[in-house]
PDB file of N, CA and C in Angstrom:
ATOM      1  N   MET A   1      33.552 -13.618  16.818  1.00  0.00           N
ATOM      2  CA  MET A   1      35.399 -14.425  17.098  1.00  0.00           C
ATOM      3  C   MET A   1      35.154 -15.971  17.454  1.00  0.00           C
ATOM      4  N   THR A   2      36.288 -16.474  16.484  1.00  0.00           N
ATOM      5  CA  THR A   2      36.324 -18.150  16.711  1.00  0.00           C
ATOM      6  C   THR A   2      37.381 -18.455  17.765  1.00  0.00           C
ATOM      7  N   SER A   3      36.804 -19.891  18.378  1.00  0.00           N
ATOM      8  CA  SER A   3      37.536 -20.300  19.222  1.00  0.00           C
ATOM      9  C   SER A   3      39.141 -20.764  18.384  1.00  0.00           C
ATOM     10  N   PRO A   4      39.979 -20.577  19.367  1.00  0.00           N
ATOM     11  CA  PRO A   4      41.373 -21.016  18.271  1.00  0.00           C
ATOM     12  C   PRO A   4      41.190 -23.020  18.287  1.00  0.00           C
ATOM     13  N   LYS A   5      40.118 -23.448  18.699  1.00  0.00           N
ATOM     14  CA  LYS A   5      40.180 -24.624  18.133  1.00  0.00           C
ATOM     15  C   LYS A   5      38.780 -24.951  17.227  1.00  0.00           C
ATOM     16  N   THR A   6      38.509 -23.982  16.311  1.00  0.00           N
ATOM     17  CA  THR A   6      37.527 -24.015  15.644  1.00  0.00           C
ATOM     18  C   THR A   6      38.302 -23.956  14.082  1.00  0.00           C
ATOM     19  N   PRO A   7      37.674 -24.888  13.105  1.00  0.00           N
ATOM     20  CA  PRO A   7      38.543 -24.955  12.242  1.00  0.00           C
ATOM     21  C   PRO A   7      37.470 -23.996  11.183  1.00  0.00           C
ATOM     22  N   THR A   8      38.363 -23.384  10.088  1.00  0.00           N
ATOM     23  CA  THR A   8      37.713 -22.428   9.210  1.00  0.00           C
ATOM     24  C   THR A   8      37.567 -23.333   7.800  1.00  0.00           C
ATOM     25  N   LEU A   9      36.500 -23.479   7.194  1.00  0.00           N
ATOM     26  CA  LEU A   9      36.229 -23.986   5.783  1.00  0.00           C
ATOM     27  C   LEU A   9      35.776 -22.898   4.887  1.00  0.00           C
ATOM     28  N   TYR A  10      36.920 -22.731   4.213  1.00  0.00           N
ATOM     29  CA  TYR A  10      36.668 -21.764   2.825  1.00  0.00           C
ATOM     30  C   TYR A  10      36.358 -22.457   1.586  1.00  0.00           C
ATOM     31  N   GLY A  11      34.890 -21.975   0.899  1.00  0.00           N
ATOM     32  CA  GLY A  11      34.608 -22.469  -0.220  1.00  0.00           C
ATOM     33  C   GLY A  11      33.397 -21.601  -0.876  1.00  0.00           C
ATOM     34  N   ILE A  12      32.508 -22.195  -1.605  1.00  0.00           N
ATOM     35  CA  ILE A  12      31.493 -21.770  -2.289  1.00  0.00           C
ATOM     36  C   ILE A  12      30.141 -22.610  -1.768  1.00  0.00           C
ATOM     37  N   PRO A  13      29.445 -22.078  -1.440  1.00  0.00           N
ATOM     38  CA  PRO A  13      28.112 -22.908  -0.633  1.00  0.00           C
ATOM     39  C   PRO A  13      27.491 -23.929  -1.747  1.00  0.00           C
ATOM     40  N   ASN A  14      27.350 -23.651  -3.072  1.00  0.00           N
ATOM     41  CA  ASN A  14      26.455 -24.615  -3.883  1.00  0.00           C
ATOM     42  C   ASN A  14      27.512 -25.770  -4.329  1.00  0.00           C
ATOM     43  N   CYS A  15      28.801 -25.769  -4.240  1.00  0.00           N
ATOM     44  CA  CYS A  15      29.882 -26.742  -4.389  1.00  0.00           C
ATOM     45  C   CYS A  15      29.336 -27.957  -3.768  1.00  0.00           C
ATOM     46  N   ASP A  16      29.383 -28.947  -4.409  1.00  0.00           N
ATOM     47  CA  ASP A  16      28.980 -30.421  -4.004  1.00  0.00           C
ATOM     48  C   ASP A  16      30.036 -30.763  -3.142  1.00  0.00           C
ATOM     49  N   THR A  17      31.318 -30.715  -3.453  1.00  0.00           N
ATOM     50  CA  THR A  17      32.306 -30.951  -2.225  1.00  0.00           C
ATOM     51  C   THR A  17      32.235 -30.177  -1.001  1.00  0.00           C
ATOM     52  N   VAL A  18      32.223 -28.926  -1.047  1.00  0.00           N
ATOM     53  CA  VAL A  18      32.012 -28.053  -0.050  1.00  0.00           C
ATOM     54  C   VAL A  18      30.753 -28.582   0.752  1.00  0.00           C
ATOM     55  N   LYS A  19      29.625 -28.911   0.252  1.00  0.00           N
ATOM     56  CA  LYS A  19      28.508 -29.315   0.877  1.00  0.00           C
ATOM     57  C   LYS A  19      28.673 -30.437   1.702  1.00  0.00           C
ATOM     58  N   LYS A  20      29.386 -31.545   1.097  1.00  0.00           N
ATOM     59  CA  LYS A  20      29.545 -32.748   1.615  1.00  0.00           C
ATOM     60  C   LYS A  20      30.435 -32.631   2.911  1.00  0.00           C
ATOM     61  N   ALA A  21      31.706 -31.847   2.513  1.00  0.00           N
ATOM     62  CA  ALA A  21      32.574 -31.454   3.596  1.00  0.00           C
ATOM     63  C   ALA A  21      31.737 -30.804   4.937  1.00  0.00           C
ATOM     64  N   ARG A  22      30.991 -30.097   4.802  1.00  0.00           N
ATOM     65  CA  ARG A  22      30.093 -29.295   5.816  1.00  0.00           C
ATOM     66  C   ARG A  22      29.258 -30.148   6.427  1.00  0.00           C
ATOM     67  N   ALA A  23      28.739 -31.125   5.653  1.00  0.00           N
ATOM     68  CA  ALA A  23      27.904 -32.196   6.054  1.00  0.00           C
ATOM     69  C   ALA A  23      28.624 -33.083   7.199  1.00  0.00           C
ATOM     70  N   TRP A  24      29.723 -33.464   6.478  1.00  0.00           N
ATOM     71  CA  TRP A  24      30.749 -34.108   7.583  1.00  0.00           C
ATOM     72  C   TRP A  24      31.076 -33.643   8.518  1.00  0.00           C
ATOM     73  N   LEU A  25      31.823 -32.549   8.754  1.00  0.00           N
ATOM     74  CA  LEU A  25      31.942 -31.939   9.785  1.00  0.00           C
ATOM     75  C   LEU A  25      30.929 -31.857  10.659  1.00  0.00           C
ATOM     76  N   GLY A  26      29.661 -31.330  10.403  1.00  0.00           N
ATOM     77  CA  GLY A  26      28.313 -31.261  11.343  1.00  0.00           C
ATOM     78  C   GLY A  26      28.145 -32.726  11.685  1.00  0.00           C
ATOM     79  N   ASP A  27      27.945 -33.858  10.919  1.00  0.00           N
ATOM     80  CA  ASP A  27      27.614 -35.222  11.602  1.00  0.00           C
ATOM     81  C   ASP A  27      28.960 -35.438  12.318  1.00  0.00           C
ATOM     82  N   HIS A  28      30.262 -34.971  12.401  1.00  0.00           N
ATOM     83  CA  HIS A  28      31.269 -35.470  13.461  1.00  0.00           C
ATOM     84  C   HIS A  28      31.007 -34.369  14.612  1.00  0.00           C
ATOM     85  N   GLY A  29      30.206 -33.792  14.755  1.00  0.00           N
ATOM     86  CA  GLY A  29      30.274 -32.826  15.810  1.00  0.00           C
ATOM     87  C   GLY A  29      31.119 -31.701  15.934  1.00  0.00           C
ATOM     88  N   THR A  30      31.643 -31.216  14.801  1.00  0.00           N
ATOM     89  CA  THR A  30      32.842 -30.474  14.590  1.00  0.00           C
ATOM     90  C   THR A  30      32.141 -28.976  14.376  1.00  0.00           C
ATOM     91  N   ALA A  31      32.480 -27.924  15.003  1.00  0.00           N
ATOM     92  CA  ALA A  31      32.003 -26.714  14.995  1.00  0.00           C
ATOM     93  C   ALA A  31      32.967 -26.003  13.810  1.00  0.00           C
ATOM     94  N   PHE A  32      32.566 -25.304  12.982  1.00  0.00           N
ATOM     95  CA  PHE A  32      33.243 -24.782  12.047  1.00  0.00           C
ATOM     96  C   PHE A  32      32.935 -23.470  11.853  1.00  0.00           C
ATOM     97  N   VAL A  33      33.708 -22.512  11.277  1.00  0.00           N
ATOM     98  CA  VAL A  33      33.543 -21.081  10.626  1.00  0.00           C
ATOM     99  C   VAL A  33      33.340 -21.566   8.967  1.00  0.00           C
ATOM    100  N   PHE A  34      32.408 -21.071   8.572  1.00  0.00           N
ATOM    101  CA  PHE A  34      32.516 -21.084   6.819  1.00  0.00           C
ATOM    102  C   PHE A  34      32.547 -19.689   6.281  1.00  0.00           C
ATOM    103  N   HIS A  35      33.755 -19.611   5.408  1.00  0.00           N
ATOM    104  CA  HIS A  35      34.197 -18.268   4.895  1.00  0.00           C
ATOM    105  C   HIS A  35      33.456 -18.668   3.188  1.00  0.00           C
ATOM    106  N   ASP A  36      32.678 -17.777   2.906  1.00  0.00           N
ATOM    107  CA  ASP A  36      32.048 -17.750   1.527  1.00  0.00           C
ATOM    108  C   ASP A  36      32.770 -17.041   0.468  1.00  0.00           C
ATOM    109  N   PHE A  37      33.577 -17.730  -0.520  1.00  0.00           N
ATOM    110  CA  PHE A  37      34.364 -17.057  -1.543  1.00  0.00           C
ATOM    111  C   PHE A  37      33.514 -15.990  -2.085  1.00  0.00           C
ATOM    112  N   LYS A  38      32.128 -16.663  -2.552  1.00  0.00           N
ATOM    113  CA  LYS A  38      31.339 -15.455  -3.210  1.00  0.00           C
ATOM    114  C   LYS A  38      30.729 -14.360  -2.386  1.00  0.00           C
ATOM    115  N   LYS A  39      30.452 -14.387  -1.188  1.00  0.00           N
ATOM    116  CA  LYS A  39      30.216 -13.148  -0.381  1.00  0.00           C
ATOM    117  C   LYS A  39      31.470 -12.463   0.170  1.00  0.00           C
ATOM    118  N   GLN A  40      32.521 -13.071   0.619  1.00  0.00           N
ATOM    119  CA  GLN A  40      33.151 -12.666   1.287  1.00  0.00           C
ATOM    120  C   GLN A  40      34.685 -12.340   0.608  1.00  0.00           C
ATOM    121  N   GLY A  41      34.836 -12.751  -0.631  1.00  0.00           N
ATOM    122  CA  GLY A  41      35.881 -12.892  -1.328  1.00  0.00           C
ATOM    123  C   GLY A  41      37.217 -14.090  -0.924  1.00  0.00           C
ATOM    124  N   VAL A  42      38.176 -13.620  -1.582  1.00  0.00           N
ATOM    125  CA  VAL A  42      39.324 -14.769  -1.168  1.00  0.00           C
ATOM    126  C   VAL A  42      40.147 -13.786  -0.457  1.00  0.00           C
ATOM    127  N   PRO A  43      40.605 -14.373   0.777  1.00  0.00           N
ATOM    128  CA  PRO A  43      41.503 -13.416   1.709  1.00  0.00           C
ATOM    129  C   PRO A  43      43.063 -13.883   1.196  1.00  0.00           C
ATOM    130  N   GLY A  44      43.455 -12.758   0.562  1.00  0.00           N
ATOM    131  CA  GLY A  44      44.737 -12.699  -0.430  1.00  0.00           C
ATOM    132  C   GLY A  44      45.803 -12.904   0.925  1.00  0.00           C
ATOM    133  N   GLU A  45      46.026 -12.736   2.076  1.00  0.00           N
ATOM    134  CA  GLU A  45      47.296 -13.287   2.698  1.00  0.00           C
ATOM    135  C   GLU A  45      47.234 -14.719   3.231  1.00  0.00           C
ATOM    136  N   HIS A  46      45.675 -15.134   3.712  1.00  0.00           N
ATOM    137  CA  HIS A  46      45.429 -16.614   3.335  1.00  0.00           C
ATOM    138  C   HIS A  46      45.800 -17.428   2.264  1.00  0.00           C
ATOM    139  N   LEU A  47      45.463 -16.964   1.422  1.00  0.00           N
ATOM    140  CA  LEU A  47      45.560 -17.475   0.085  1.00  0.00           C
ATOM    141  C   LEU A  47      47.496 -17.817  -0.138  1.00  0.00           C
ATOM    142  N   LYS A  48      48.140 -16.712   0.195  1.00  0.00           N
ATOM    143  CA  LYS A  48      49.489 -16.892   0.148  1.00  0.00           C
ATOM    144  C   LYS A  48      49.869 -18.327   1.035  1.00  0.00           C
ATOM    145  N   ALA A  49      49.415 -18.260   2.230  1.00  0.00           N
ATOM    146  CA  ALA A  49      49.684 -19.217   3.004  1.00  0.00           C
ATOM    147  C   ALA A  49      49.145 -20.627   2.556  1.00  0.00           C
ATOM    148  N   TRP A  50      48.265 -20.869   1.720  1.00  0.00           N
ATOM    149  CA  TRP A  50      47.732 -22.028   1.472  1.00  0.00           C
ATOM    150  C   TRP A  50      48.599 -22.549   0.276  1.00  0.00           C
ATOM    151  N   LEU A  51      48.828 -21.471  -0.827  1.00  0.00           N
ATOM    152  CA  LEU A  51      50.081 -21.625  -1.871  1.00  0.00           C
ATOM    153  C   LEU A  51      51.158 -22.231  -0.982  1.00  0.00           C
ATOM    154  N   ALA A  52      51.461 -21.768   0.103  1.00  0.00           N
ATOM    155  CA  ALA A  52      53.155 -21.861   0.720  1.00  0.00           C
ATOM    156  C   ALA A  52      53.116 -23.419   1.139  1.00  0.00           C
ATOM    157  N   SER A  53      51.794 -23.573   1.757  1.00  0.00           N
ATOM    158  CA  SER A  53      51.665 -24.914   2.422  1.00  0.00           C
ATOM    159  C   SER A  53      51.143 -26.008   1.408  1.00  0.00           C
ATOM    160  N   ALA A  54      50.297 -26.076   0.398  1.00  0.00           N
ATOM    161  CA  ALA A  54      50.036 -26.850  -0.508  1.00  0.00           C
ATOM    162  C   ALA A  54      50.425 -26.644  -1.783  1.00  0.00           C
ATOM    163  N   GLY A  55      51.014 -25.460  -2.279  1.00  0.00           N
ATOM    164  CA  GLY A  55      51.341 -25.568  -3.774  1.00  0.00           C
ATOM    165  C   GLY A  55      50.400 -25.170  -4.715  1.00  0.00           C
ATOM    166  N   TRP A  56      50.684 -24.363  -5.667  1.00  0.00           N
ATOM    167  CA  TRP A  56      49.636 -24.143  -6.430  1.00  0.00           C
ATOM    168  C   TRP A  56      49.346 -25.362  -7.480  1.00  0.00           C
ATOM    169  N   GLN A  57      49.966 -26.281  -7.549  1.00  0.00           N
ATOM    170  CA  GLN A  57      49.371 -27.402  -8.209  1.00  0.00           C
ATOM    171  C   GLN A  57      47.974 -28.007  -7.417  1.00  0.00           C
ATOM    172  N   LYS A  58      48.289 -27.881  -6.390  1.00  0.00           N
ATOM    173  CA  LYS A  58      47.120 -28.476  -5.368  1.00  0.00           C
ATOM    174  C   LYS A  58      45.999 -27.458  -5.377  1.00  0.00           C
ATOM    175  N   VAL A  59      46.187 -26.107  -5.303  1.00  0.00           N
ATOM    176  CA  VAL A  59      45.375 -25.424  -5.090  1.00  0.00           C
ATOM    177  C   VAL A  59      44.630 -24.805  -6.064  1.00  0.00           C
ATOM    178  N   VAL A  60      45.140 -24.790  -7.336  1.00  0.00           N
ATOM    179  CA  VAL A  60      44.348 -24.610  -8.627  1.00  0.00           C
ATOM    180  C   VAL A  60      43.642 -25.632  -8.952  1.00  0.00           C
ATOM    181  N   ASN A  61      42.611 -25.547  -9.216  1.00  0.00           N
ATOM    182  CA  ASN A  61      41.717 -26.470  -9.946  1.00  0.00           C
ATOM    183  C   ASN A  61      41.614 -26.814 -11.073  1.00  0.00           C
ATOM    184  N   ARG A  62      42.601 -27.178 -11.837  1.00  0.00           N
ATOM    185  CA  ARG A  62      42.607 -27.198 -13.380  1.00  0.00           C
ATOM    186  C   ARG A  62      41.807 -28.282 -14.248  1.00  0.00           C
ATOM    187  N   GLN A  63      40.983 -28.716 -13.306  1.00  0.00           N
ATOM    188  CA  GLN A  63      40.042 -29.856 -13.847  1.00  0.00           C
ATOM    189  C   GLN A  63      38.331 -29.623 -13.989  1.00  0.00           C
ATOM    190  N   GLY A  64      38.368 -28.347 -13.178  1.00  0.00           N
ATOM    191  CA  GLY A  64      37.056 -27.649 -13.153  1.00  0.00           C
ATOM    192  C   GLY A  64      36.520 -26.631 -14.470  1.00  0.00           C
ATOM    193  N   THR A  65      35.448 -26.537 -14.227  1.00  0.00           N
ATOM    194  CA  THR A  65      34.629 -25.701 -15.507  1.00  0.00           C
ATOM    195  C   THR A  65      35.285 -24.273 -15.470  1.00  0.00           C
ATOM    196  N   ALA A  66      35.374 -23.704 -14.116  1.00  0.00           N
ATOM    197  CA  ALA A  66      35.955 -22.215 -14.152  1.00  0.00           C
ATOM    198  C   ALA A  66      37.416 -22.033 -14.843  1.00  0.00           C
ATOM    199  N   TRP A  67      38.174 -22.981 -14.458  1.00  0.00           N
ATOM    200  CA  TRP A  67      39.784 -23.008 -15.293  1.00  0.00           C
ATOM    201  C   TRP A  67      39.310 -23.022 -16.986  1.00  0.00           C
ATOM    202  N   ARG A  68      38.352 -23.868 -16.963  1.00  0.00           N
ATOM    203  CA  ARG A  68      38.198 -23.980 -18.667  1.00  0.00           C
ATOM    204  C   ARG A  68      37.854 -23.188 -19.420  1.00  0.00           C
ATOM    205  N   LYS A  69      37.254 -22.040 -18.624  1.00  0.00           N
ATOM    206  CA  LYS A  69      36.514 -20.837 -19.180  1.00  0.00           C
ATOM    207  C   LYS A  69      37.561 -19.618 -19.110  1.00  0.00           C
ATOM    208  N   LEU A  70      38.626 -19.959 -18.572  1.00  0.00           N
ATOM    209  CA  LEU A  70      39.762 -18.883 -18.617  1.00  0.00           C
ATOM    210  C   LEU A  70      40.321 -18.683 -19.924  1.00  0.00           C
ATOM    211  N   GLU A  71      40.590 -17.570 -20.173  1.00  0.00           N
ATOM    212  CA  GLU A  71      41.607 -17.377 -21.250  1.00  0.00           C
ATOM    213  C   GLU A  71      42.862 -18.222 -21.443  1.00  0.00           C
ATOM    214  N   PRO A  72      43.143 -18.863 -22.836  1.00  0.00           N
ATOM    215  CA  PRO A  72      44.240 -19.822 -22.543  1.00  0.00           C
ATOM    216  C   PRO A  72      45.697 -19.055 -22.224  1.00  0.00           C
ATOM    217  N   ALA A  73      45.900 -17.483 -22.468  1.00  0.00           N
ATOM    218  CA  ALA A  73      46.829 -17.035 -22.074  1.00  0.00           C
ATOM    219  C   ALA A  73      46.657 -16.811 -20.455  1.00  0.00           C
ATOM    220  N   THR A  74      45.723 -16.765 -19.989  1.00  0.00           N
ATOM    221  CA  THR A  74      45.439 -16.766 -18.237  1.00  0.00           C
ATOM    222  C   THR A  74      46.051 -18.178 -17.849  1.00  0.00           C
ATOM    223  N   GLN A  75      45.574 -19.261 -18.235  1.00  0.00           N
ATOM    224  CA  GLN A  75      45.854 -20.403 -17.954  1.00  0.00           C
ATOM    225  C   GLN A  75      47.443 -20.608 -17.937  1.00  0.00           C
ATOM    226  N   ALA A  76      48.003 -20.276 -19.046  1.00  0.00           N
ATOM    227  CA  ALA A  76      49.568 -20.566 -19.487  1.00  0.00           C
ATOM    228  C   ALA A  76      50.493 -19.663 -18.318  1.00  0.00           C
ATOM    229  N   SER A  77      49.536 -18.397 -17.955  1.00  0.00           N
ATOM    230  CA  SER A  77      50.142 -17.332 -16.836  1.00  0.00           C
ATOM    231  C   SER A  77      50.571 -17.903 -15.573  1.00  0.00           C
ATOM    232  N   VAL A  78      49.899 -19.181 -15.044  1.00  0.00           N
ATOM    233  CA  VAL A  78      50.052 -19.765 -13.864  1.00  0.00           C
ATOM    234  C   VAL A  78      50.883 -20.938 -14.034  1.00  0.00           C
ATOM    235  N   VAL A  79      52.229 -20.456 -13.383  1.00  0.00           N
ATOM    236  CA  VAL A  79      53.459 -21.325 -13.493  1.00  0.00           C
ATOM    237  C   VAL A  79      53.963 -21.662 -12.287  1.00  0.00           C
ATOM    238  N   ASP A  80      53.418 -20.842 -11.212  1.00  0.00           N
ATOM    239  CA  ASP A  80      54.410 -21.248  -9.741  1.00  0.00           C
ATOM    240  C   ASP A  80      53.004 -20.350  -8.614  1.00  0.00           C
ATOM    241  N   ASN A  81      53.554 -20.169  -7.336  1.00  0.00           N
ATOM    242  CA  ASN A  81      52.777 -19.518  -6.287  1.00  0.00           C
ATOM    243  C   ASN A  81      52.333 -18.282  -6.626  1.00  0.00           C
ATOM    244  N   ALA A  82      53.373 -17.267  -7.017  1.00  0.00           N
ATOM    245  CA  ALA A  82      53.297 -16.221  -7.172  1.00  0.00           C
ATOM    246  C   ALA A  82      52.539 -15.581  -8.558  1.00  0.00           C
ATOM    247  N   SER A  83      52.332 -16.638  -9.473  1.00  0.00           N
ATOM    248  CA  SER A  83      51.712 -16.270 -10.513  1.00  0.00           C
ATOM    249  C   SER A  83      50.205 -16.831 -10.549  1.00  0.00           C
ATOM    250  N   ALA A  84      49.909 -17.560  -9.681  1.00  0.00           N
ATOM    251  CA  ALA A  84      48.489 -17.769  -9.235  1.00  0.00           C
ATOM    252  C   ALA A  84      47.953 -16.992  -8.387  1.00  0.00           C
ATOM    253  N   VAL A  85      48.498 -16.024  -7.774  1.00  0.00           N
ATOM    254  CA  VAL A  85      47.900 -15.534  -6.609  1.00  0.00           C
ATOM    255  C   VAL A  85      46.806 -14.535  -7.460  1.00  0.00           C
ATOM    256  N   PRO A  86      47.364 -13.673  -8.481  1.00  0.00           N
ATOM    257  CA  PRO A  86      46.161 -12.664  -9.172  1.00  0.00           C
ATOM    258  C   PRO A  86      45.156 -13.419  -9.612  1.00  0.00           C
ATOM    259  N   VAL A  87      45.483 -14.711 -10.353  1.00  0.00           N
ATOM    260  CA  VAL A  87      44.506 -15.106 -11.113  1.00  0.00           C
ATOM    261  C   VAL A  87      43.243 -15.988 -10.020  1.00  0.00           C
ATOM    262  N   LEU A  88      44.016 -16.497  -8.717  1.00  0.00           N
ATOM    263  CA  LEU A  88      42.938 -16.983  -7.649  1.00  0.00           C
ATOM    264  C   LEU A  88      41.946 -16.120  -7.108  1.00  0.00           C
ATOM    265  N   LEU A  89      42.760 -14.743  -6.947  1.00  0.00           N
ATOM    266  CA  LEU A  89      42.284 -13.603  -6.311  1.00  0.00           C
ATOM    267  C   LEU A  89      40.924 -13.164  -7.091  1.00  0.00           C
ATOM    268  N   ASN A  90      41.214 -13.094  -8.564  1.00  0.00           N
ATOM    269  CA  ASN A  90      40.144 -12.762  -9.374  1.00  0.00           C
ATOM    270  C   ASN A  90      39.118 -13.667  -9.794  1.00  0.00           C
ATOM    271  N   ASN A  91      39.511 -14.992  -9.592  1.00  0.00           N
ATOM    272  CA  ASN A  91      38.547 -16.166  -9.919  1.00  0.00           C
ATOM    273  C   ASN A  91      38.411 -16.956  -8.880  1.00  0.00           C
ATOM    274  N   ALA A  92      37.775 -16.886  -8.007  1.00  0.00           N
ATOM    275  CA  ALA A  92      37.657 -17.883  -6.809  1.00  0.00           C
ATOM    276  C   ALA A  92      37.188 -19.445  -7.074  1.00  0.00           C
ATOM    277  N   SER A  93      36.404 -19.356  -8.089  1.00  0.00           N
ATOM    278  CA  SER A  93      36.010 -20.442  -8.419  1.00  0.00           C
ATOM    279  C   SER A  93      37.088 -21.654  -8.913  1.00  0.00           C
ATOM    280  N   VAL A  94      38.078 -21.149  -9.164  1.00  0.00           N
ATOM    281  CA  VAL A  94      39.111 -21.703  -9.564  1.00  0.00           C
ATOM    282  C   VAL A  94      39.852 -22.494  -8.424  1.00  0.00           C
ATOM    283  N   ILE A  95      39.731 -22.026  -7.453  1.00  0.00           N
ATOM    284  CA  ILE A  95      40.336 -22.556  -6.089  1.00  0.00           C
ATOM    285  C   ILE A  95      39.888 -23.990  -5.944  1.00  0.00           C
ATOM    286  N   LYS A  96      40.604 -25.126  -5.747  1.00  0.00           N
ATOM    287  CA  LYS A  96      40.376 -26.336  -5.291  1.00  0.00           C
ATOM    288  C   LYS A  96      39.574 -26.090  -4.099  1.00  0.00           C
ATOM    289  N   ARG A  97      38.343 -26.919  -3.768  1.00  0.00           N
ATOM    290  CA  ARG A  97      37.581 -26.662  -2.517  1.00  0.00           C
ATOM    291  C   ARG A  97      37.189 -28.089  -2.066  1.00  0.00           C
ATOM    292  N   PRO A  98      36.982 -27.929  -0.564  1.00  0.00           N
ATOM    293  CA  PRO A  98      37.130 -26.703   0.351  1.00  0.00           C
ATOM    294  C   PRO A  98      38.571 -26.656   0.765  1.00  0.00           C
ATOM    295  N   VAL A  99      38.937 -25.411   1.078  1.00  0.00           N
ATOM    296  CA  VAL A  99      40.289 -25.543   1.889  1.00  0.00           C
ATOM    297  C   VAL A  99      39.901 -25.079   3.094  1.00  0.00           C
ATOM    298  N   VAL A 100      40.479 -25.758   4.060  1.00  0.00           N
ATOM    299  CA  VAL A 100      40.172 -25.898   5.361  1.00  0.00           C
ATOM    300  C   VAL A 100      41.676 -25.510   6.351  1.00  0.00           C
ATOM    301  N   GLU A 101      41.348 -24.467   6.928  1.00  0.00           N
ATOM    302  CA  GLU A 101      42.577 -23.982   8.226  1.00  0.00           C
ATOM    303  C   GLU A 101      42.124 -24.510   9.514  1.00  0.00           C
ATOM    304  N   TRP A 102      43.128 -25.591   9.862  1.00  0.00           N
ATOM    305  CA  TRP A 102      42.433 -26.644  11.103  1.00  0.00           C
ATOM    306  C   TRP A 102      43.252 -25.673  12.234  1.00  0.00           C
ATOM    307  N   PRO A 103      42.587 -26.240  13.471  1.00  0.00           N
ATOM    308  CA  PRO A 103      43.168 -25.424  14.589  1.00  0.00           C
ATOM    309  C   PRO A 103      44.624 -25.373  14.858  1.00  0.00           C
ATOM    310  N   ASP A 104      45.382 -26.802  14.585  1.00  0.00           N
ATOM    311  CA  ASP A 104      46.883 -26.937  14.617  1.00  0.00           C
ATOM    312  C   ASP A 104      47.574 -25.920  13.846  1.00  0.00           C
ATOM    313  N   GLY A 105      47.021 -25.336  12.937  1.00  0.00           N
ATOM    314  CA  GLY A 105      47.850 -24.349  11.750  1.00  0.00           C
ATOM    315  C   GLY A 105      47.733 -25.207  10.590  1.00  0.00           C
ATOM    316  N   ALA A 106      47.412 -26.448  10.308  1.00  0.00           N
ATOM    317  CA  ALA A 106      47.566 -27.376   8.965  1.00  0.00           C
ATOM    318  C   ALA A 106      46.542 -26.441   7.927  1.00  0.00           C
ATOM    319  N   ILE A 107      46.904 -27.025   7.051  1.00  0.00           N
ATOM    320  CA  ILE A 107      45.895 -26.363   5.768  1.00  0.00           C
ATOM    321  C   ILE A 107      45.942 -27.685   4.752  1.00  0.00           C
ATOM    322  N   THR A 108      44.407 -28.057   4.510  1.00  0.00           N
ATOM    323  CA  THR A 108      44.191 -28.890   3.899  1.00  0.00           C
ATOM    324  C   THR A 108      43.329 -28.577   2.497  1.00  0.00           C
ATOM    325  N   VAL A 109      43.660 -28.958   1.450  1.00  0.00           N
ATOM    326  CA  VAL A 109      42.625 -28.512   0.192  1.00  0.00           C
ATOM    327  C   VAL A 109      42.095 -29.718  -0.628  1.00  0.00           C
ATOM    328  N   GLY A 110      40.608 -29.762  -0.560  1.00  0.00           N
ATOM    329  CA  GLY A 110      40.271 -30.888  -1.096  1.00  0.00           C
ATOM    330  C   GLY A 110      39.280 -31.637   0.246  1.00  0.00           C
ATOM    331  N   PHE A 111      38.296 -32.302  -0.262  1.00  0.00           N
ATOM    332  CA  PHE A 111      37.689 -33.272   1.165  1.00  0.00           C
ATOM    333  C   PHE A 111      38.364 -34.730   1.171  1.00  0.00           C
ATOM    334  N   ASP A 112      38.931 -34.896   2.395  1.00  0.00           N
ATOM    335  CA  ASP A 112      39.440 -36.321   2.386  1.00  0.00           C
ATOM    336  C   ASP A 112      39.120 -36.897   3.737  1.00  0.00           C
ATOM    337  N   ALA A 113      37.988 -37.814   3.745  1.00  0.00           N
ATOM    338  CA  ALA A 113      37.095 -38.038   5.071  1.00  0.00           C
ATOM    339  C   ALA A 113      38.345 -39.035   6.007  1.00  0.00           C
ATOM    340  N   ASP A 114      39.260 -39.689   5.384  1.00  0.00           N
ATOM    341  CA  ASP A 114      40.060 -40.592   6.421  1.00  0.00           C
ATOM    342  C   ASP A 114      41.213 -39.290   6.708  1.00  0.00           C
ATOM    343  N   ASP A 115      41.336 -38.322   6.245  1.00  0.00           N
ATOM    344  CA  ASP A 115      42.417 -37.351   7.012  1.00  0.00           C
ATOM    345  C   ASP A 115      41.849 -36.548   7.869  1.00  0.00           C
ATOM    346  N   TRP A 116      40.536 -36.337   7.519  1.00  0.00           N
ATOM    347  CA  TRP A 116      39.906 -35.452   8.075  1.00  0.00           C
ATOM    348  C   TRP A 116      39.387 -36.096   9.718  1.00  0.00           C
ATOM    349  N   SER A 117      39.419 -37.279   9.554  1.00  0.00           N
ATOM    350  CA  SER A 117      38.965 -38.083  10.840  1.00  0.00           C
ATOM    351  C   SER A 117      40.226 -38.069  11.969  1.00  0.00           C
ATOM    352  N   ARG A 118      41.202 -37.981  11.206  1.00  0.00           N
ATOM    353  CA  ARG A 118      42.381 -37.949  12.182  1.00  0.00           C
ATOM    354  C   ARG A 118      42.743 -36.436  12.964  1.00  0.00           C
ATOM    355  N   ARG A 119      41.982 -35.482  12.356  1.00  0.00           N
ATOM    356  CA  ARG A 119      42.190 -34.288  12.848  1.00  0.00           C
ATOM    357  C   ARG A 119      41.105 -33.727  13.547  1.00  0.00           C
ATOM    358  N   VAL A 120      39.726 -34.430  13.658  1.00  0.00           N
ATOM    359  CA  VAL A 120      38.818 -33.765  14.487  1.00  0.00           C
ATOM    360  C   VAL A 120      38.674 -34.326  15.533  1.00  0.00           C
TER     361      VAL A 120
END
């Protein structure tokens, strides 16, 4: 069970940005829970909250290799939050990482040391 003051970091362990984010949190003495998309999957209800908070344009990593490997029809089908859900549930690597659920309820997508410094 996590403390209500513990952020949860979602991502893939071998992702360089996730590695950097985990190291940054550790270096700043911030305990956190790590949710591994590869082992634990993408939590559907959380995904919907991330999309509602940040928007599909921010959550979907359209610059990454995983996105480029998708069929063009699948890529074209992602036009809003609702249409992004099935694609992201089936292709966790397409989610921009890391996603962090902060103790105050805020959700951030990607690593931004300046922003995170204000949160920890």
